[in-house]
Amino acid sequence: MKFVLRTNQTSRSLGPAPKGSAAAFTLAEVLAALMFMAIVIPAAVEGLHVASLAGTVAERKGEAARVARRMLTENLVVTTNWNQSVQGGILTEGQREFRWTMHSDVWNQDPNQNVMRQLSIEVFFTAQSREYSVRMSTLVDGSQSY
C-alpha cells in the first residue's frame, strides 16, 4: 500500500521508511519523559491523598457537629449536669466513636452578670490516623435548674 501526497503539482511518497532507517525517540527525549513522570506522578498522588483527607475530615466533622449539638441539647434540656465543671465520655454513633469533653465555666464577658455560664463541648474524632475536634458553646442561666 502506498500513500501519495500532492502539493504544487509534485508528488511525494508517504509509505514505510526505507530499510536501514527507523523512526524512534532519542535517548534525550526518553530521559526527559521519565524525568517529567518522576515529578508529576508523586505530586498527583499527593494531591489525591490531600483530597481524600479533606473529604474524610469534612464528613467526620459534620458527624462530630451533630454529636456536639445533641450532647449540648441533652445536657440543657434533660439534665442539670452542666453545673459540674468538667464532664467527658465516649459516644458511639454507627461504627464510629467520638470522644467528648464538656466544660462549664463562668461567663466573664459582662461584669454585671455573675449567673451566666458558658457551656462548651469539644468532640474529638480521627481521620486517617490524625485527631481533629469540633467545639461548640452556648450560654446558660446558672440560677435556674432545668
C-alpha atoms as a PDB file:
ATOM      1  CA  MET A   1       0.000   0.000   0.000  1.00  0.00           C
ATOM      2  CA  LYS A   2       1.404   3.360  -0.978  1.00  0.00           C
ATOM      3  CA  PHE A   3       0.170   6.835   0.016  1.00  0.00           C
ATOM      4  CA  VAL A   4       0.741   9.839  -2.168  1.00  0.00           C
ATOM      5  CA  LEU A   5       0.640  13.450  -1.038  1.00  0.00           C
ATOM      6  CA  ARG A   6       0.221  16.031  -3.806  1.00  0.00           C
ATOM      7  CA  THR A   7       1.453  19.565  -3.290  1.00  0.00           C
ATOM      8  CA  ASN A   8       2.020  22.151  -6.015  1.00  0.00           C
ATOM      9  CA  GLN A   9       1.932  19.652  -8.854  1.00  0.00           C
ATOM     10  CA  THR A  10       4.624  17.464  -7.272  1.00  0.00           C
ATOM     11  CA  SER A  11       4.064  14.164  -5.597  1.00  0.00           C
ATOM     12  CA  ARG A  12       5.820  12.667  -2.639  1.00  0.00           C
ATOM     13  CA  SER A  13       5.540   9.149  -1.293  1.00  0.00           C
ATOM     14  CA  LEU A  14       4.393   8.661   2.337  1.00  0.00           C
ATOM     15  CA  GLY A  15       4.989   4.941   2.592  1.00  0.00           C
ATOM     16  CA  PRO A  16       7.031   2.937   5.039  1.00  0.00           C
ATOM     17  CA  ALA A  17      10.524   4.187   5.801  1.00  0.00           C
ATOM     18  CA  PRO A  18      13.272   2.785   3.634  1.00  0.00           C
ATOM     19  CA  LYS A  19      15.275  -0.134   5.047  1.00  0.00           C
ATOM     20  CA  GLY A  20      18.097   0.882   7.302  1.00  0.00           C
ATOM     21  CA  SER A  21      16.438   3.991   8.736  1.00  0.00           C
ATOM     22  CA  ALA A  22      13.983   3.696  11.632  1.00  0.00           C
ATOM     23  CA  ALA A  23      11.943   6.393  13.363  1.00  0.00           C
ATOM     24  CA  ALA A  24      12.404   6.339  17.138  1.00  0.00           C
ATOM     25  CA  PHE A  25      12.738   8.550  20.197  1.00  0.00           C
ATOM     26  CA  THR A  26      16.164   9.756  21.086  1.00  0.00           C
ATOM     27  CA  LEU A  27      17.735   8.956  24.434  1.00  0.00           C
ATOM     28  CA  ALA A  28      17.340  12.590  25.489  1.00  0.00           C
ATOM     29  CA  GLU A  29      13.590  12.510  24.718  1.00  0.00           C
ATOM     30  CA  VAL A  30      13.111   9.289  26.707  1.00  0.00           C
ATOM     31  CA  LEU A  31      15.058  10.667  29.678  1.00  0.00           C
ATOM     32  CA  ALA A  32      13.085  13.924  29.572  1.00  0.00           C
ATOM     33  CA  ALA A  33       9.797  11.998  29.566  1.00  0.00           C
ATOM     34  CA  LEU A  34      10.928   9.828  32.504  1.00  0.00           C
ATOM     35  CA  MET A  35      12.029  12.904  34.455  1.00  0.00           C
ATOM     36  CA  PHE A  36       8.685  14.577  33.780  1.00  0.00           C
ATOM     37  CA  MET A  37       6.830  11.470  35.011  1.00  0.00           C
ATOM     38  CA  ALA A  38       9.066  11.290  38.109  1.00  0.00           C
ATOM     39  CA  ILE A  39       7.967  14.821  39.007  1.00  0.00           C
ATOM     40  CA  VAL A  40       4.283  14.656  38.050  1.00  0.00           C
ATOM     41  CA  ILE A  41       3.253  11.235  39.418  1.00  0.00           C
ATOM     42  CA  PRO A  42       4.261  11.827  43.088  1.00  0.00           C
ATOM     43  CA  ALA A  43       2.627  15.271  43.005  1.00  0.00           C
ATOM     44  CA  ALA A  44      -0.573  13.787  41.584  1.00  0.00           C
ATOM     45  CA  VAL A  45      -0.623  11.010  44.209  1.00  0.00           C
ATOM     46  CA  GLU A  46      -0.101  13.560  46.989  1.00  0.00           C
ATOM     47  CA  GLY A  47      -2.930  15.653  45.554  1.00  0.00           C
ATOM     48  CA  LEU A  48      -5.234  12.634  45.656  1.00  0.00           C
ATOM     49  CA  HIS A  49      -4.198  11.939  49.249  1.00  0.00           C
ATOM     50  CA  VAL A  50      -4.935  15.530  50.310  1.00  0.00           C
ATOM     51  CA  ALA A  51      -8.311  15.461  48.547  1.00  0.00           C
ATOM     52  CA  SER A  52      -9.199  12.171  50.214  1.00  0.00           C
ATOM     53  CA  LEU A  53      -8.215  13.506  53.644  1.00  0.00           C
ATOM     54  CA  ALA A  54     -10.231  16.693  53.107  1.00  0.00           C
ATOM     55  CA  GLY A  55     -13.311  14.687  52.171  1.00  0.00           C
ATOM     56  CA  THR A  56     -12.949  12.364  55.156  1.00  0.00           C
ATOM     57  CA  VAL A  57     -12.397  15.233  57.595  1.00  0.00           C
ATOM     58  CA  ALA A  58     -15.407  17.129  56.227  1.00  0.00           C
ATOM     59  CA  GLU A  59     -17.656  14.088  56.617  1.00  0.00           C
ATOM     60  CA  ARG A  60     -16.457  13.300  60.144  1.00  0.00           C
ATOM     61  CA  LYS A  61     -16.624  16.972  61.149  1.00  0.00           C
ATOM     62  CA  GLY A  62     -20.302  17.022  60.198  1.00  0.00           C
ATOM     63  CA  GLU A  63     -20.921  13.896  62.263  1.00  0.00           C
ATOM     64  CA  ALA A  64     -18.991  15.343  65.214  1.00  0.00           C
ATOM     65  CA  ALA A  65     -21.004  18.581  64.999  1.00  0.00           C
ATOM     66  CA  ARG A  66     -24.247  16.566  65.175  1.00  0.00           C
ATOM     67  CA  VAL A  67     -22.889  14.716  68.227  1.00  0.00           C
ATOM     68  CA  ALA A  68     -21.886  18.007  69.888  1.00  0.00           C
ATOM     69  CA  ARG A  69     -25.281  19.590  69.221  1.00  0.00           C
ATOM     70  CA  ARG A  70     -27.074  16.526  70.570  1.00  0.00           C
ATOM     71  CA  MET A  71     -24.911  16.411  73.701  1.00  0.00           C
ATOM     72  CA  LEU A  72     -25.498  20.130  74.363  1.00  0.00           C
ATOM     73  CA  THR A  73     -29.243  19.702  73.909  1.00  0.00           C
ATOM     74  CA  GLU A  74     -29.380  16.664  76.176  1.00  0.00           C
ATOM     75  CA  ASN A  75     -27.411  18.422  78.894  1.00  0.00           C
ATOM     76  CA  LEU A  76     -29.516  21.584  78.675  1.00  0.00           C
ATOM     77  CA  VAL A  77     -32.999  20.104  78.398  1.00  0.00           C
ATOM     78  CA  VAL A  78     -32.875  16.691  80.016  1.00  0.00           C
ATOM     79  CA  THR A  79     -30.367  17.042  82.831  1.00  0.00           C
ATOM     80  CA  THR A  80     -28.770  19.655  85.020  1.00  0.00           C
ATOM     81  CA  ASN A  81     -25.352  18.024  84.814  1.00  0.00           C
ATOM     82  CA  TRP A  82     -23.937  21.133  83.212  1.00  0.00           C
ATOM     83  CA  ASN A  83     -23.429  22.548  86.703  1.00  0.00           C
ATOM     84  CA  GLN A  84     -20.411  20.234  87.037  1.00  0.00           C
ATOM     85  CA  SER A  85     -17.252  21.897  85.775  1.00  0.00           C
ATOM     86  CA  VAL A  86     -15.915  19.097  83.524  1.00  0.00           C
ATOM     87  CA  GLN A  87     -17.559  16.027  82.045  1.00  0.00           C
ATOM     88  CA  GLY A  88     -16.459  13.614  79.380  1.00  0.00           C
ATOM     89  CA  GLY A  89     -17.081  10.313  77.737  1.00  0.00           C
ATOM     90  CA  ILE A  90     -17.133   8.303  74.547  1.00  0.00           C
ATOM     91  CA  LEU A  91     -20.178   8.152  72.306  1.00  0.00           C
ATOM     92  CA  THR A  92     -20.578   5.523  69.609  1.00  0.00           C
ATOM     93  CA  GLU A  93     -22.595   6.565  66.584  1.00  0.00           C
ATOM     94  CA  GLY A  94     -22.847   3.909  63.916  1.00  0.00           C
ATOM     95  CA  GLN A  95     -19.394   2.393  63.596  1.00  0.00           C
ATOM     96  CA  ARG A  96     -17.543   5.494  64.762  1.00  0.00           C
ATOM     97  CA  GLU A  97     -16.536   6.508  68.257  1.00  0.00           C
ATOM     98  CA  PHE A  98     -16.430  10.131  69.326  1.00  0.00           C
ATOM     99  CA  ARG A  99     -14.645  11.226  72.487  1.00  0.00           C
ATOM    100  CA  TRP A 100     -16.130  14.333  74.055  1.00  0.00           C
ATOM    101  CA  THR A 101     -15.453  16.713  76.930  1.00  0.00           C
ATOM    102  CA  MET A 102     -17.821  19.322  78.295  1.00  0.00           C
ATOM    103  CA  HIS A 103     -16.736  22.367  80.300  1.00  0.00           C
ATOM    104  CA  SER A 104     -18.948  24.682  82.287  1.00  0.00           C
ATOM    105  CA  ASP A 105     -17.236  27.980  83.006  1.00  0.00           C
ATOM    106  CA  VAL A 106     -18.349  31.296  84.449  1.00  0.00           C
ATOM    107  CA  TRP A 107     -19.139  33.710  81.648  1.00  0.00           C
ATOM    108  CA  ASN A 108     -17.000  36.717  82.396  1.00  0.00           C
ATOM    109  CA  GLN A 109     -17.727  38.915  79.370  1.00  0.00           C
ATOM    110  CA  ASP A 110     -20.219  41.027  81.308  1.00  0.00           C
ATOM    111  CA  PRO A 111     -19.000  42.061  84.784  1.00  0.00           C
ATOM    112  CA  ASN A 112     -22.600  42.825  85.872  1.00  0.00           C
ATOM    113  CA  GLN A 113     -23.713  39.251  85.180  1.00  0.00           C
ATOM    114  CA  ASN A 114     -22.456  36.560  87.519  1.00  0.00           C
ATOM    115  CA  VAL A 115     -25.128  33.923  86.967  1.00  0.00           C
ATOM    116  CA  MET A 116     -24.448  33.224  83.303  1.00  0.00           C
ATOM    117  CA  ARG A 117     -22.314  30.206  82.454  1.00  0.00           C
ATOM    118  CA  GLN A 118     -20.662  29.211  79.208  1.00  0.00           C
ATOM    119  CA  LEU A 119     -21.257  25.568  78.398  1.00  0.00           C
ATOM    120  CA  SER A 120     -18.728  24.261  75.856  1.00  0.00           C
ATOM    121  CA  ILE A 121     -18.390  20.827  74.345  1.00  0.00           C
ATOM    122  CA  GLU A 122     -15.473  19.561  72.302  1.00  0.00           C
ATOM    123  CA  VAL A 123     -15.890  16.389  70.265  1.00  0.00           C
ATOM    124  CA  PHE A 124     -12.759  14.592  69.078  1.00  0.00           C
ATOM    125  CA  PHE A 125     -12.595  12.315  66.038  1.00  0.00           C
ATOM    126  CA  THR A 126      -9.907  10.643  63.968  1.00  0.00           C
ATOM    127  CA  ALA A 127      -9.422  10.714  60.221  1.00  0.00           C
ATOM    128  CA  GLN A 128      -6.572   8.798  58.602  1.00  0.00           C
ATOM    129  CA  SER A 129      -4.745   8.364  61.932  1.00  0.00           C
ATOM    130  CA  ARG A 130      -4.916  12.081  62.842  1.00  0.00           C
ATOM    131  CA  GLU A 131      -7.066  13.561  65.598  1.00  0.00           C
ATOM    132  CA  TYR A 132      -9.342  16.526  64.917  1.00  0.00           C
ATOM    133  CA  SER A 133     -12.002  18.233  67.005  1.00  0.00           C
ATOM    134  CA  VAL A 134     -15.178  20.303  66.809  1.00  0.00           C
ATOM    135  CA  ARG A 135     -16.066  22.778  69.560  1.00  0.00           C
ATOM    136  CA  MET A 136     -19.471  24.306  70.281  1.00  0.00           C
ATOM    137  CA  SER A 137     -20.522  26.673  73.060  1.00  0.00           C
ATOM    138  CA  THR A 138     -23.691  28.181  74.414  1.00  0.00           C
ATOM    139  CA  LEU A 139     -24.723  30.355  77.341  1.00  0.00           C
ATOM    140  CA  VAL A 140     -26.961  29.077  80.148  1.00  0.00           C
ATOM    141  CA  ASP A 141     -28.559  30.777  83.122  1.00  0.00           C
ATOM    142  CA  GLY A 142     -26.803  29.396  86.176  1.00  0.00           C
ATOM    143  CA  SER A 143     -29.536  30.469  88.590  1.00  0.00           C
ATOM    144  CA  GLN A 144     -32.226  28.173  87.146  1.00  0.00           C
ATOM    145  CA  SER A 145     -32.440  24.407  87.179  1.00  0.00           C
ATOM    146  CA  TYR A 146     -33.929  22.606  84.252  1.00  0.00           C
END
